[in-house]
Amino acid sequence: MSRLIAYLPAALWWLASVYLLLLKPAGTPSGIPYFDKIGHFCLFALGALLLALPRAWRGQPLRQLMPAVLGLCLLWAVGSELGQALLTTTRSAEVMDAVADMAGALTGVMLAAHGIALWRARV
């Protein structure tokens, strides 16, 4: 049961991302270039970090973390873009959003794995 609780933050992140990506109407474009891509990057970096931390804490190496976490993130990146195209009227699917999602996911996994390793080396 405690292993399931370790993934509660990741589950809450996913629910928040469903709202942000599929339920919340699109706002007016920001004056900051590529602001939406930065948002996608940060959203998926946080999600991958939350997915990877429990496994990294248990000592799973980066080469084992990456396929599972990045696979789940890829499914959600593609699924959310398809959902935006098919289920919303104010949003559209963009390949570059999925690219930003996966760049963020890769960053999140690496932060989790290396952050835990650095923390353990200091303690």
PDB file of N, CA and C in Angstrom:
ATOM      1  N   MET A   1       0.815  -1.198   0.000  1.00  0.00           N
ATOM      2  CA  MET A   1       0.000   0.000   0.000  1.00  0.00           C
ATOM      3  C   MET A   1       0.859   1.263   0.000  1.00  0.00           C
ATOM      4  N   SER A   2       1.984   1.259   0.739  1.00  0.00           N
ATOM      5  CA  SER A   2       2.820   2.456   0.799  1.00  0.00           C
ATOM      6  C   SER A   2       3.439   2.779  -0.563  1.00  0.00           C
ATOM      7  N   ARG A   3       3.656   1.756  -1.390  1.00  0.00           N
ATOM      8  CA  ARG A   3       4.169   2.022  -2.741  1.00  0.00           C
ATOM      9  C   ARG A   3       3.139   2.756  -3.574  1.00  0.00           C
ATOM     10  N   LEU A   4       1.875   2.417  -3.392  1.00  0.00           N
ATOM     11  CA  LEU A   4       0.833   3.129  -4.122  1.00  0.00           C
ATOM     12  C   LEU A   4       0.736   4.579  -3.666  1.00  0.00           C
ATOM     13  N   ILE A   5       0.887   4.811  -2.377  1.00  0.00           N
ATOM     14  CA  ILE A   5       0.837   6.174  -1.859  1.00  0.00           C
ATOM     15  C   ILE A   5       1.980   7.005  -2.417  1.00  0.00           C
ATOM     16  N   ALA A   6       3.113   6.378  -2.686  1.00  0.00           N
ATOM     17  CA  ALA A   6       4.257   7.095  -3.253  1.00  0.00           C
ATOM     18  C   ALA A   6       3.932   7.680  -4.621  1.00  0.00           C
ATOM     19  N   TYR A   7       2.964   7.085  -5.316  1.00  0.00           N
ATOM     20  CA  TYR A   7       2.587   7.578  -6.642  1.00  0.00           C
ATOM     21  C   TYR A   7       1.392   8.522  -6.603  1.00  0.00           C
ATOM     22  N   LEU A   8       0.879   8.830  -5.416  1.00  0.00           N
ATOM     23  CA  LEU A   8      -0.256   9.751  -5.292  1.00  0.00           C
ATOM     24  C   LEU A   8       0.067  11.130  -5.882  1.00  0.00           C
ATOM     25  N   PRO A   9       1.231  11.715  -5.611  1.00  0.00           N
ATOM     26  CA  PRO A   9       1.528  13.006  -6.250  1.00  0.00           C
ATOM     27  C   PRO A   9       1.501  12.933  -7.781  1.00  0.00           C
ATOM     28  N   ALA A  10       1.984  11.840  -8.348  1.00  0.00           N
ATOM     29  CA  ALA A  10       1.956  11.688  -9.811  1.00  0.00           C
ATOM     30  C   ALA A  10       0.521  11.573 -10.312  1.00  0.00           C
ATOM     31  N   ALA A  11      -0.331  10.873  -9.569  1.00  0.00           N
ATOM     32  CA  ALA A  11      -1.740  10.753  -9.965  1.00  0.00           C
ATOM     33  C   ALA A  11      -2.439  12.109  -9.892  1.00  0.00           C
ATOM     34  N   LEU A  12      -2.145  12.879  -8.862  1.00  0.00           N
ATOM     35  CA  LEU A  12      -2.730  14.222  -8.742  1.00  0.00           C
ATOM     36  C   LEU A  12      -2.214  15.135  -9.853  1.00  0.00           C
ATOM     37  N   TRP A  13      -0.930  14.983 -10.209  1.00  0.00           N
ATOM     38  CA  TRP A  13      -0.384  15.736 -11.342  1.00  0.00           C
ATOM     39  C   TRP A  13      -1.155  15.402 -12.616  1.00  0.00           C
ATOM     40  N   TRP A  14      -1.424  14.117 -12.820  1.00  0.00           N
ATOM     41  CA  TRP A  14      -2.124  13.713 -14.040  1.00  0.00           C
ATOM     42  C   TRP A  14      -3.517  14.335 -14.086  1.00  0.00           C
ATOM     43  N   LEU A  15      -4.224  14.310 -12.962  1.00  0.00           N
ATOM     44  CA  LEU A  15      -5.553  14.932 -12.923  1.00  0.00           C
ATOM     45  C   LEU A  15      -5.467  16.423 -13.240  1.00  0.00           C
ATOM     46  N   ALA A  16      -4.474  17.102 -12.675  1.00  0.00           N
ATOM     47  CA  ALA A  16      -4.295  18.525 -12.967  1.00  0.00           C
ATOM     48  C   ALA A  16      -3.976  18.737 -14.443  1.00  0.00           C
ATOM     49  N   SER A  17      -3.179  17.844 -15.024  1.00  0.00           N
ATOM     50  CA  SER A  17      -2.835  17.989 -16.441  1.00  0.00           C
ATOM     51  C   SER A  17      -4.049  17.727 -17.340  1.00  0.00           C
ATOM     52  N   VAL A  18      -4.937  16.833 -16.942  1.00  0.00           N
ATOM     53  CA  VAL A  18      -6.178  16.626 -17.704  1.00  0.00           C
ATOM     54  C   VAL A  18      -6.957  17.936 -17.749  1.00  0.00           C
ATOM     55  N   TYR A  19      -7.054  18.595 -16.600  1.00  0.00           N
ATOM     56  CA  TYR A  19      -7.757  19.875 -16.559  1.00  0.00           C
ATOM     57  C   TYR A  19      -7.062  20.905 -17.444  1.00  0.00           C
ATOM     58  N   LEU A  20      -5.753  21.058 -17.264  1.00  0.00           N
ATOM     59  CA  LEU A  20      -5.021  22.089 -18.000  1.00  0.00           C
ATOM     60  C   LEU A  20      -4.995  21.853 -19.509  1.00  0.00           C
ATOM     61  N   LEU A  21      -4.872  20.583 -19.911  1.00  0.00           N
ATOM     62  CA  LEU A  21      -4.710  20.285 -21.334  1.00  0.00           C
ATOM     63  C   LEU A  21      -6.017  20.033 -22.074  1.00  0.00           C
ATOM     64  N   LEU A  22      -7.045  19.554 -21.359  1.00  0.00           N
ATOM     65  CA  LEU A  22      -8.269  19.167 -22.058  1.00  0.00           C
ATOM     66  C   LEU A  22      -9.529  19.918 -21.614  1.00  0.00           C
ATOM     67  N   LEU A  23      -9.602  20.312 -20.376  1.00  0.00           N
ATOM     68  CA  LEU A  23     -10.849  20.890 -19.868  1.00  0.00           C
ATOM     69  C   LEU A  23     -10.828  22.412 -19.800  1.00  0.00           C
ATOM     70  N   LYS A  24      -9.702  22.992 -19.508  1.00  0.00           N
ATOM     71  CA  LYS A  24      -9.598  24.444 -19.400  1.00  0.00           C
ATOM     72  C   LYS A  24      -9.602  25.049 -20.800  1.00  0.00           C
ATOM     73  N   PRO A  25     -10.484  26.018 -21.036  1.00  0.00           N
ATOM     74  CA  PRO A  25     -10.485  26.653 -22.362  1.00  0.00           C
ATOM     75  C   PRO A  25      -9.172  27.377 -22.624  1.00  0.00           C
ATOM     76  N   ALA A  26      -8.774  27.388 -23.877  1.00  0.00           N
ATOM     77  CA  ALA A  26      -7.535  28.087 -24.242  1.00  0.00           C
ATOM     78  C   ALA A  26      -7.730  29.575 -24.029  1.00  0.00           C
ATOM     79  N   GLY A  27      -6.718  30.214 -23.488  1.00  0.00           N
ATOM     80  CA  GLY A  27      -6.758  31.660 -23.274  1.00  0.00           C
ATOM     81  C   GLY A  27      -6.170  32.389 -24.462  1.00  0.00           C
ATOM     82  N   THR A  28      -6.005  33.680 -24.279  1.00  0.00           N
ATOM     83  CA  THR A  28      -5.385  34.466 -25.334  1.00  0.00           C
ATOM     84  C   THR A  28      -3.891  34.151 -25.369  1.00  0.00           C
ATOM     85  N   PRO A  29      -3.290  34.149 -26.537  1.00  0.00           N
ATOM     86  CA  PRO A  29      -1.863  33.846 -26.632  1.00  0.00           C
ATOM     87  C   PRO A  29      -1.022  34.853 -25.842  1.00  0.00           C
ATOM     88  N   SER A  30       0.030  34.354 -25.245  1.00  0.00           N
ATOM     89  CA  SER A  30       0.941  35.187 -24.460  1.00  0.00           C
ATOM     90  C   SER A  30       1.829  35.998 -25.394  1.00  0.00           C
ATOM     91  N   GLY A  31       2.305  37.114 -24.898  1.00  0.00           N
ATOM     92  CA  GLY A  31       3.246  37.924 -25.661  1.00  0.00           C
ATOM     93  C   GLY A  31       4.641  37.336 -25.653  1.00  0.00           C
ATOM     94  N   ILE A  32       4.859  36.329 -24.817  1.00  0.00           N
ATOM     95  CA  ILE A  32       6.166  35.691 -24.726  1.00  0.00           C
ATOM     96  C   ILE A  32       6.241  34.601 -25.801  1.00  0.00           C
ATOM     97  N   PRO A  33       7.235  34.663 -26.678  1.00  0.00           N
ATOM     98  CA  PRO A  33       7.328  33.629 -27.723  1.00  0.00           C
ATOM     99  C   PRO A  33       7.477  32.228 -27.128  1.00  0.00           C
ATOM    100  N   TYR A  34       6.753  31.312 -27.678  1.00  0.00           N
ATOM    101  CA  TYR A  34       6.795  29.893 -27.288  1.00  0.00           C
ATOM    102  C   TYR A  34       6.432  29.655 -25.819  1.00  0.00           C
ATOM    103  N   PHE A  35       5.656  30.543 -25.232  1.00  0.00           N
ATOM    104  CA  PHE A  35       5.267  30.399 -23.834  1.00  0.00           C
ATOM    105  C   PHE A  35       4.516  29.089 -23.595  1.00  0.00           C
ATOM    106  N   ASP A  36       3.667  28.703 -24.553  1.00  0.00           N
ATOM    107  CA  ASP A  36       2.922  27.447 -24.389  1.00  0.00           C
ATOM    108  C   ASP A  36       3.854  26.237 -24.408  1.00  0.00           C
ATOM    109  N   LYS A  37       4.926  26.311 -25.184  1.00  0.00           N
ATOM    110  CA  LYS A  37       5.891  25.196 -25.216  1.00  0.00           C
ATOM    111  C   LYS A  37       6.642  25.100 -23.890  1.00  0.00           C
ATOM    112  N   ILE A  38       6.955  26.248 -23.301  1.00  0.00           N
ATOM    113  CA  ILE A  38       7.594  26.267 -21.983  1.00  0.00           C
ATOM    114  C   ILE A  38       6.664  25.631 -20.956  1.00  0.00           C
ATOM    115  N   GLY A  39       5.374  25.945 -21.054  1.00  0.00           N
ATOM    116  CA  GLY A  39       4.390  25.342 -20.155  1.00  0.00           C
ATOM    117  C   GLY A  39       4.319  23.833 -20.313  1.00  0.00           C
ATOM    118  N   HIS A  40       4.307  23.353 -21.548  1.00  0.00           N
ATOM    119  CA  HIS A  40       4.293  21.907 -21.796  1.00  0.00           C
ATOM    120  C   HIS A  40       5.549  21.249 -21.230  1.00  0.00           C
ATOM    121  N   PHE A  41       6.701  21.869 -21.469  1.00  0.00           N
ATOM    122  CA  PHE A  41       7.974  21.340 -20.960  1.00  0.00           C
ATOM    123  C   PHE A  41       7.925  21.211 -19.440  1.00  0.00           C
ATOM    124  N   CYS A  42       7.536  22.274 -18.759  1.00  0.00           N
ATOM    125  CA  CYS A  42       7.516  22.274 -17.289  1.00  0.00           C
ATOM    126  C   CYS A  42       6.487  21.292 -16.742  1.00  0.00           C
ATOM    127  N   LEU A  43       5.314  21.225 -17.367  1.00  0.00           N
ATOM    128  CA  LEU A  43       4.270  20.311 -16.911  1.00  0.00           C
ATOM    129  C   LEU A  43       4.757  18.862 -16.970  1.00  0.00           C
ATOM    130  N   PHE A  44       5.367  18.477 -18.072  1.00  0.00           N
ATOM    131  CA  PHE A  44       5.820  17.093 -18.218  1.00  0.00           C
ATOM    132  C   PHE A  44       7.108  16.817 -17.445  1.00  0.00           C
ATOM    133  N   ALA A  45       7.944  17.837 -17.228  1.00  0.00           N
ATOM    134  CA  ALA A  45       9.122  17.635 -16.381  1.00  0.00           C
ATOM    135  C   ALA A  45       8.676  17.299 -14.963  1.00  0.00           C
ATOM    136  N   LEU A  46       7.686  18.025 -14.465  1.00  0.00           N
ATOM    137  CA  LEU A  46       7.171  17.749 -13.127  1.00  0.00           C
ATOM    138  C   LEU A  46       6.526  16.363 -13.068  1.00  0.00           C
ATOM    139  N   GLY A  47       5.745  16.017 -14.071  1.00  0.00           N
ATOM    140  CA  GLY A  47       5.099  14.710 -14.088  1.00  0.00           C
ATOM    141  C   GLY A  47       6.094  13.561 -14.098  1.00  0.00           C
ATOM    142  N   ALA A  48       7.106  13.662 -14.938  1.00  0.00           N
ATOM    143  CA  ALA A  48       8.117  12.604 -15.001  1.00  0.00           C
ATOM    144  C   ALA A  48       8.911  12.530 -13.705  1.00  0.00           C
ATOM    145  N   LEU A  49       9.202  13.673 -13.125  1.00  0.00           N
ATOM    146  CA  LEU A  49       9.909  13.700 -11.844  1.00  0.00           C
ATOM    147  C   LEU A  49       9.088  12.976 -10.779  1.00  0.00           C
ATOM    148  N   LEU A  50       7.793  13.262 -10.721  1.00  0.00           N
ATOM    149  CA  LEU A  50       6.928  12.629  -9.721  1.00  0.00           C
ATOM    150  C   LEU A  50       6.764  11.129  -9.967  1.00  0.00           C
ATOM    151  N   LEU A  51       6.784  10.722 -11.221  1.00  0.00           N
ATOM    152  CA  LEU A  51       6.715   9.290 -11.536  1.00  0.00           C
ATOM    153  C   LEU A  51       8.020   8.574 -11.224  1.00  0.00           C
ATOM    154  N   ALA A  52       9.133   9.238 -11.468  1.00  0.00           N
ATOM    155  CA  ALA A  52      10.438   8.595 -11.324  1.00  0.00           C
ATOM    156  C   ALA A  52      10.953   8.586  -9.882  1.00  0.00           C
ATOM    157  N   LEU A  53      10.594   9.579  -9.085  1.00  0.00           N
ATOM    158  CA  LEU A  53      11.154   9.675  -7.732  1.00  0.00           C
ATOM    159  C   LEU A  53      10.946   8.431  -6.874  1.00  0.00           C
ATOM    160  N   PRO A  54       9.739   7.859  -6.803  1.00  0.00           N
ATOM    161  CA  PRO A  54       9.600   6.666  -5.957  1.00  0.00           C
ATOM    162  C   PRO A  54      10.490   5.504  -6.392  1.00  0.00           C
ATOM    163  N   ARG A  55      10.638   5.327  -7.684  1.00  0.00           N
ATOM    164  CA  ARG A  55      11.470   4.235  -8.188  1.00  0.00           C
ATOM    165  C   ARG A  55      12.950   4.539  -8.005  1.00  0.00           C
ATOM    166  N   ALA A  56      13.335   5.793  -8.205  1.00  0.00           N
ATOM    167  CA  ALA A  56      14.737   6.181  -7.992  1.00  0.00           C
ATOM    168  C   ALA A  56      15.085   6.056  -6.517  1.00  0.00           C
ATOM    169  N   TRP A  57      14.153   6.398  -5.646  1.00  0.00           N
ATOM    170  CA  TRP A  57      14.386   6.293  -4.203  1.00  0.00           C
ATOM    171  C   TRP A  57      14.654   4.852  -3.790  1.00  0.00           C
ATOM    172  N   ARG A  58      13.984   3.903  -4.465  1.00  0.00           N
ATOM    173  CA  ARG A  58      14.201   2.490  -4.159  1.00  0.00           C
ATOM    174  C   ARG A  58      15.466   1.947  -4.820  1.00  0.00           C
ATOM    175  N   GLY A  59      16.223   2.804  -5.484  1.00  0.00           N
ATOM    176  CA  GLY A  59      17.511   2.399  -6.033  1.00  0.00           C
ATOM    177  C   GLY A  59      17.486   1.952  -7.483  1.00  0.00           C
ATOM    178  N   GLN A  60      16.385   2.160  -8.176  1.00  0.00           N
ATOM    179  CA  GLN A  60      16.333   1.748  -9.576  1.00  0.00           C
ATOM    180  C   GLN A  60      17.218   2.678 -10.414  1.00  0.00           C
ATOM    181  N   PRO A  61      18.124   2.130 -11.209  1.00  0.00           N
ATOM    182  CA  PRO A  61      19.032   2.974 -11.993  1.00  0.00           C
ATOM    183  C   PRO A  61      18.311   3.676 -13.147  1.00  0.00           C
ATOM    184  N   LEU A  62      18.944   4.719 -13.644  1.00  0.00           N
ATOM    185  CA  LEU A  62      18.376   5.547 -14.701  1.00  0.00           C
ATOM    186  C   LEU A  62      18.004   4.722 -15.934  1.00  0.00           C
ATOM    187  N   ARG A  63      18.838   3.766 -16.321  1.00  0.00           N
ATOM    188  CA  ARG A  63      18.557   2.978 -17.526  1.00  0.00           C
ATOM    189  C   ARG A  63      17.293   2.139 -17.373  1.00  0.00           C
ATOM    190  N   GLN A  64      16.884   1.835 -16.136  1.00  0.00           N
ATOM    191  CA  GLN A  64      15.633   1.116 -15.923  1.00  0.00           C
ATOM    192  C   GLN A  64      14.459   2.078 -15.740  1.00  0.00           C
ATOM    193  N   LEU A  65      14.735   3.263 -15.235  1.00  0.00           N
ATOM    194  CA  LEU A  65      13.678   4.258 -15.038  1.00  0.00           C
ATOM    195  C   LEU A  65      13.157   4.799 -16.364  1.00  0.00           C
ATOM    196  N   MET A  66      14.062   5.060 -17.267  1.00  0.00           N
ATOM    197  CA  MET A  66      13.711   5.789 -18.478  1.00  0.00           C
ATOM    198  C   MET A  66      12.643   5.121 -19.342  1.00  0.00           C
ATOM    199  N   PRO A  67      12.742   3.842 -19.674  1.00  0.00           N
ATOM    200  CA  PRO A  67      11.725   3.277 -20.569  1.00  0.00           C
ATOM    201  C   PRO A  67      10.303   3.359 -20.001  1.00  0.00           C
ATOM    202  N   ALA A  68      10.139   3.015 -18.733  1.00  0.00           N
ATOM    203  CA  ALA A  68       8.787   3.010 -18.160  1.00  0.00           C
ATOM    204  C   ALA A  68       8.229   4.417 -18.044  1.00  0.00           C
ATOM    205  N   VAL A  69       8.987   5.320 -17.469  1.00  0.00           N
ATOM    206  CA  VAL A  69       8.486   6.682 -17.239  1.00  0.00           C
ATOM    207  C   VAL A  69       8.309   7.414 -18.568  1.00  0.00           C
ATOM    208  N   LEU A  70       9.296   7.335 -19.435  1.00  0.00           N
ATOM    209  CA  LEU A  70       9.172   8.017 -20.725  1.00  0.00           C
ATOM    210  C   LEU A  70       8.074   7.399 -21.584  1.00  0.00           C
ATOM    211  N   GLY A  71       7.870   6.093 -21.463  1.00  0.00           N
ATOM    212  CA  GLY A  71       6.766   5.456 -22.193  1.00  0.00           C
ATOM    213  C   GLY A  71       5.412   5.982 -21.743  1.00  0.00           C
ATOM    214  N   LEU A  72       5.212   6.086 -20.432  1.00  0.00           N
ATOM    215  CA  LEU A  72       3.954   6.643 -19.922  1.00  0.00           C
ATOM    216  C   LEU A  72       3.781   8.099 -20.341  1.00  0.00           C
ATOM    217  N   CYS A  73       4.858   8.855 -20.274  1.00  0.00           N
ATOM    218  CA  CYS A  73       4.785  10.261 -20.682  1.00  0.00           C
ATOM    219  C   CYS A  73       4.490  10.397 -22.171  1.00  0.00           C
ATOM    220  N   LEU A  74       5.075   9.537 -22.987  1.00  0.00           N
ATOM    221  CA  LEU A  74       4.800   9.576 -24.422  1.00  0.00           C
ATOM    222  C   LEU A  74       3.335   9.255 -24.703  1.00  0.00           C
ATOM    223  N   LEU A  75       2.811   8.245 -24.015  1.00  0.00           N
ATOM    224  CA  LEU A  75       1.384   7.929 -24.184  1.00  0.00           C
ATOM    225  C   LEU A  75       0.503   9.121 -23.833  1.00  0.00           C
ATOM    226  N   TRP A  76       0.821   9.807 -22.739  1.00  0.00           N
ATOM    227  CA  TRP A  76       0.007  10.945 -22.323  1.00  0.00           C
ATOM    228  C   TRP A  76       0.236  12.138 -23.249  1.00  0.00           C
ATOM    229  N   ALA A  77       1.459  12.347 -23.726  1.00  0.00           N
ATOM    230  CA  ALA A  77       1.724  13.454 -24.648  1.00  0.00           C
ATOM    231  C   ALA A  77       0.916  13.288 -25.932  1.00  0.00           C
ATOM    232  N   VAL A  78       0.970  12.105 -26.510  1.00  0.00           N
ATOM    233  CA  VAL A  78       0.217  11.845 -27.749  1.00  0.00           C
ATOM    234  C   VAL A  78      -1.292  11.853 -27.464  1.00  0.00           C
ATOM    235  N   GLY A  79      -1.681  11.200 -26.374  1.00  0.00           N
ATOM    236  CA  GLY A  79      -3.106  11.159 -26.017  1.00  0.00           C
ATOM    237  C   GLY A  79      -3.688  12.529 -25.751  1.00  0.00           C
ATOM    238  N   SER A  80      -2.944  13.374 -25.063  1.00  0.00           N
ATOM    239  CA  SER A  80      -3.470  14.715 -24.771  1.00  0.00           C
ATOM    240  C   SER A  80      -3.557  15.561 -26.037  1.00  0.00           C
ATOM    241  N   GLU A  81      -2.606  15.410 -26.931  1.00  0.00           N
ATOM    242  CA  GLU A  81      -2.683  16.156 -28.195  1.00  0.00           C
ATOM    243  C   GLU A  81      -3.851  15.678 -29.047  1.00  0.00           C
ATOM    244  N   LEU A  82      -4.054  14.353 -29.105  1.00  0.00           N
ATOM    245  CA  LEU A  82      -5.218  13.836 -29.829  1.00  0.00           C
ATOM    246  C   LEU A  82      -6.516  14.303 -29.172  1.00  0.00           C
ATOM    247  N   GLY A  83      -6.531  14.302 -27.846  1.00  0.00           N
ATOM    248  CA  GLY A  83      -7.701  14.791 -27.120  1.00  0.00           C
ATOM    249  C   GLY A  83      -7.979  16.248 -27.410  1.00  0.00           C
ATOM    250  N   GLN A  84      -6.936  17.062 -27.476  1.00  0.00           N
ATOM    251  CA  GLN A  84      -7.132  18.474 -27.800  1.00  0.00           C
ATOM    252  C   GLN A  84      -7.702  18.641 -29.203  1.00  0.00           C
ATOM    253  N   ALA A  85      -7.256  17.802 -30.131  1.00  0.00           N
ATOM    254  CA  ALA A  85      -7.735  17.902 -31.511  1.00  0.00           C
ATOM    255  C   ALA A  85      -9.169  17.406 -31.651  1.00  0.00           C
ATOM    256  N   LEU A  86      -9.494  16.327 -30.938  1.00  0.00           N
ATOM    257  CA  LEU A  86     -10.782  15.673 -31.157  1.00  0.00           C
ATOM    258  C   LEU A  86     -11.876  16.046 -30.150  1.00  0.00           C
ATOM    259  N   LEU A  87     -11.492  16.447 -28.946  1.00  0.00           N
ATOM    260  CA  LEU A  87     -12.475  16.639 -27.882  1.00  0.00           C
ATOM    261  C   LEU A  87     -12.707  18.084 -27.478  1.00  0.00           C
ATOM    262  N   THR A  88     -11.888  19.007 -27.970  1.00  0.00           N
ATOM    263  CA  THR A  88     -12.047  20.404 -27.580  1.00  0.00           C
ATOM    264  C   THR A  88     -12.327  21.266 -28.813  1.00  0.00           C
ATOM    265  N   THR A  89     -12.923  22.409 -28.551  1.00  0.00           N
ATOM    266  CA  THR A  89     -13.179  23.349 -29.653  1.00  0.00           C
ATOM    267  C   THR A  89     -12.228  24.544 -29.596  1.00  0.00           C
ATOM    268  N   THR A  90     -11.559  24.745 -28.464  1.00  0.00           N
ATOM    269  CA  THR A  90     -10.688  25.910 -28.322  1.00  0.00           C
ATOM    270  C   THR A  90      -9.211  25.566 -28.406  1.00  0.00           C
ATOM    271  N   ARG A  91      -8.900  24.306 -28.603  1.00  0.00           N
ATOM    272  CA  ARG A  91      -7.496  23.872 -28.652  1.00  0.00           C
ATOM    273  C   ARG A  91      -7.249  23.061 -29.917  1.00  0.00           C
ATOM    274  N   SER A  92      -5.971  22.919 -30.259  1.00  0.00           N
ATOM    275  CA  SER A  92      -5.609  22.106 -31.418  1.00  0.00           C
ATOM    276  C   SER A  92      -4.375  21.286 -31.075  1.00  0.00           C
ATOM    277  N   ALA A  93      -4.173  20.227 -31.826  1.00  0.00           N
ATOM    278  CA  ALA A  93      -3.002  19.370 -31.625  1.00  0.00           C
ATOM    279  C   ALA A  93      -1.806  19.986 -32.330  1.00  0.00           C
ATOM    280  N   GLU A  94      -0.663  19.955 -31.652  1.00  0.00           N
ATOM    281  CA  GLU A  94       0.568  20.457 -32.250  1.00  0.00           C
ATOM    282  C   GLU A  94       1.698  19.471 -31.959  1.00  0.00           C
ATOM    283  N   VAL A  95       2.406  19.090 -32.987  1.00  0.00           N
ATOM    284  CA  VAL A  95       3.526  18.163 -32.835  1.00  0.00           C
ATOM    285  C   VAL A  95       4.581  18.760 -31.908  1.00  0.00           C
ATOM    286  N   MET A  96       4.823  20.064 -32.013  1.00  0.00           N
ATOM    287  CA  MET A  96       5.853  20.693 -31.179  1.00  0.00           C
ATOM    288  C   MET A  96       5.466  20.687 -29.700  1.00  0.00           C
ATOM    289  N   ASP A  97       4.171  20.651 -29.396  1.00  0.00           N
ATOM    290  CA  ASP A  97       3.764  20.494 -27.997  1.00  0.00           C
ATOM    291  C   ASP A  97       4.217  19.133 -27.470  1.00  0.00           C
ATOM    292  N   ALA A  98       4.025  18.094 -28.269  1.00  0.00           N
ATOM    293  CA  ALA A  98       4.455  16.749 -27.860  1.00  0.00           C
ATOM    294  C   ALA A  98       5.975  16.669 -27.744  1.00  0.00           C
ATOM    295  N   VAL A  99       6.688  17.371 -28.617  1.00  0.00           N
ATOM    296  CA  VAL A  99       8.150  17.407 -28.521  1.00  0.00           C
ATOM    297  C   VAL A  99       8.563  18.095 -27.222  1.00  0.00           C
ATOM    298  N   ALA A 100       7.916  19.208 -26.899  1.00  0.00           N
ATOM    299  CA  ALA A 100       8.208  19.906 -25.642  1.00  0.00           C
ATOM    300  C   ALA A 100       7.852  19.023 -24.444  1.00  0.00           C
ATOM    301  N   ASP A 101       6.735  18.293 -24.547  1.00  0.00           N
ATOM    302  CA  ASP A 101       6.348  17.362 -23.480  1.00  0.00           C
ATOM    303  C   ASP A 101       7.454  16.347 -23.221  1.00  0.00           C
ATOM    304  N   MET A 102       7.965  15.748 -24.280  1.00  0.00           N
ATOM    305  CA  MET A 102       8.961  14.694 -24.115  1.00  0.00           C
ATOM    306  C   MET A 102      10.318  15.243 -23.680  1.00  0.00           C
ATOM    307  N   ALA A 103      10.657  16.443 -24.112  1.00  0.00           N
ATOM    308  CA  ALA A 103      11.897  17.061 -23.625  1.00  0.00           C
ATOM    309  C   ALA A 103      11.786  17.316 -22.124  1.00  0.00           C
ATOM    310  N   GLY A 104      10.620  17.772 -21.692  1.00  0.00           N
ATOM    311  CA  GLY A 104      10.392  17.969 -20.265  1.00  0.00           C
ATOM    312  C   GLY A 104      10.416  16.661 -19.504  1.00  0.00           C
ATOM    313  N   ALA A 105       9.810  15.627 -20.063  1.00  0.00           N
ATOM    314  CA  ALA A 105       9.788  14.319 -19.400  1.00  0.00           C
ATOM    315  C   ALA A 105      11.200  13.767 -19.235  1.00  0.00           C
ATOM    316  N   LEU A 106      12.011  13.873 -20.264  1.00  0.00           N
ATOM    317  CA  LEU A 106      13.397  13.410 -20.180  1.00  0.00           C
ATOM    318  C   LEU A 106      14.153  14.177 -19.094  1.00  0.00           C
ATOM    319  N   THR A 107      13.941  15.471 -19.035  1.00  0.00           N
ATOM    320  CA  THR A 107      14.581  16.292 -18.002  1.00  0.00           C
ATOM    321  C   THR A 107      14.122  15.866 -16.611  1.00  0.00           C
ATOM    322  N   GLY A 108      12.827  15.622 -16.448  1.00  0.00           N
ATOM    323  CA  GLY A 108      12.299  15.210 -15.148  1.00  0.00           C
ATOM    324  C   GLY A 108      12.863  13.884 -14.671  1.00  0.00           C
ATOM    325  N   VAL A 109      12.968  12.913 -15.568  1.00  0.00           N
ATOM    326  CA  VAL A 109      13.532  11.605 -15.196  1.00  0.00           C
ATOM    327  C   VAL A 109      14.992  11.757 -14.778  1.00  0.00           C
ATOM    328  N   MET A 110      15.728  12.526 -15.535  1.00  0.00           N
ATOM    329  CA  MET A 110      17.149  12.699 -15.212  1.00  0.00           C
ATOM    330  C   MET A 110      17.328  13.462 -13.899  1.00  0.00           C
ATOM    331  N   LEU A 111      16.491  14.458 -13.657  1.00  0.00           N
ATOM    332  CA  LEU A 111      16.560  15.179 -12.380  1.00  0.00           C
ATOM    333  C   LEU A 111      16.278  14.252 -11.205  1.00  0.00           C
ATOM    334  N   ALA A 112      15.275  13.395 -11.358  1.00  0.00           N
ATOM    335  CA  ALA A 112      14.939  12.465 -10.271  1.00  0.00           C
ATOM    336  C   ALA A 112      16.093  11.512  -9.996  1.00  0.00           C
ATOM    337  N   ALA A 113      16.594  10.883 -11.042  1.00  0.00           N
ATOM    338  CA  ALA A 113      17.654   9.878 -10.858  1.00  0.00           C
ATOM    339  C   ALA A 113      18.939  10.512 -10.326  1.00  0.00           C
ATOM    340  N   HIS A 114      19.352  11.586 -10.939  1.00  0.00           N
ATOM    341  CA  HIS A 114      20.608  12.208 -10.513  1.00  0.00           C
ATOM    342  C   HIS A 114      20.453  12.947  -9.188  1.00  0.00           C
ATOM    343  N   GLY A 115      19.290  13.518  -8.951  1.00  0.00           N
ATOM    344  CA  GLY A 115      19.053  14.193  -7.675  1.00  0.00           C
ATOM    345  C   GLY A 115      19.124  13.235  -6.501  1.00  0.00           C
ATOM    346  N   ILE A 116      18.499  12.070  -6.634  1.00  0.00           N
ATOM    347  CA  ILE A 116      18.566  11.060  -5.567  1.00  0.00           C
ATOM    348  C   ILE A 116      19.999  10.570  -5.391  1.00  0.00           C
ATOM    349  N   ALA A 117      20.700  10.329  -6.498  1.00  0.00           N
ATOM    350  CA  ALA A 117      22.089   9.854  -6.406  1.00  0.00           C
ATOM    351  C   ALA A 117      22.969  10.891  -5.711  1.00  0.00           C
ATOM    352  N   LEU A 118      22.804  12.167  -6.058  1.00  0.00           N
ATOM    353  CA  LEU A 118      23.591  13.210  -5.398  1.00  0.00           C
ATOM    354  C   LEU A 118      23.237  13.321  -3.921  1.00  0.00           C
ATOM    355  N   TRP A 119      21.978  13.231  -3.605  1.00  0.00           N
ATOM    356  CA  TRP A 119      21.551  13.321  -2.217  1.00  0.00           C
ATOM    357  C   TRP A 119      22.137  12.171  -1.400  1.00  0.00           C
ATOM    358  N   ARG A 120      22.102  10.981  -1.960  1.00  0.00           N
ATOM    359  CA  ARG A 120      22.656   9.819  -1.248  1.00  0.00           C
ATOM    360  C   ARG A 120      24.162   9.940  -1.090  1.00  0.00           C
ATOM    361  N   ALA A 121      24.847  10.514  -2.043  1.00  0.00           N
ATOM    362  CA  ALA A 121      26.295  10.668  -1.959  1.00  0.00           C
ATOM    363  C   ALA A 121      26.682  11.668  -0.860  1.00  0.00           C
ATOM    364  N   ARG A 122      25.830  12.631  -0.593  1.00  0.00           N
ATOM    365  CA  ARG A 122      26.121  13.643   0.417  1.00  0.00           C
ATOM    366  C   ARG A 122      25.763  13.170   1.815  1.00  0.00           C
ATOM    367  N   VAL A 123      24.791  12.278   1.920  1.00  0.00           N
ATOM    368  CA  VAL A 123      24.311  11.854   3.238  1.00  0.00           C
ATOM    369  C   VAL A 123      25.158  10.735   3.796  1.00  0.00           C
TER     370      VAL A 123
END
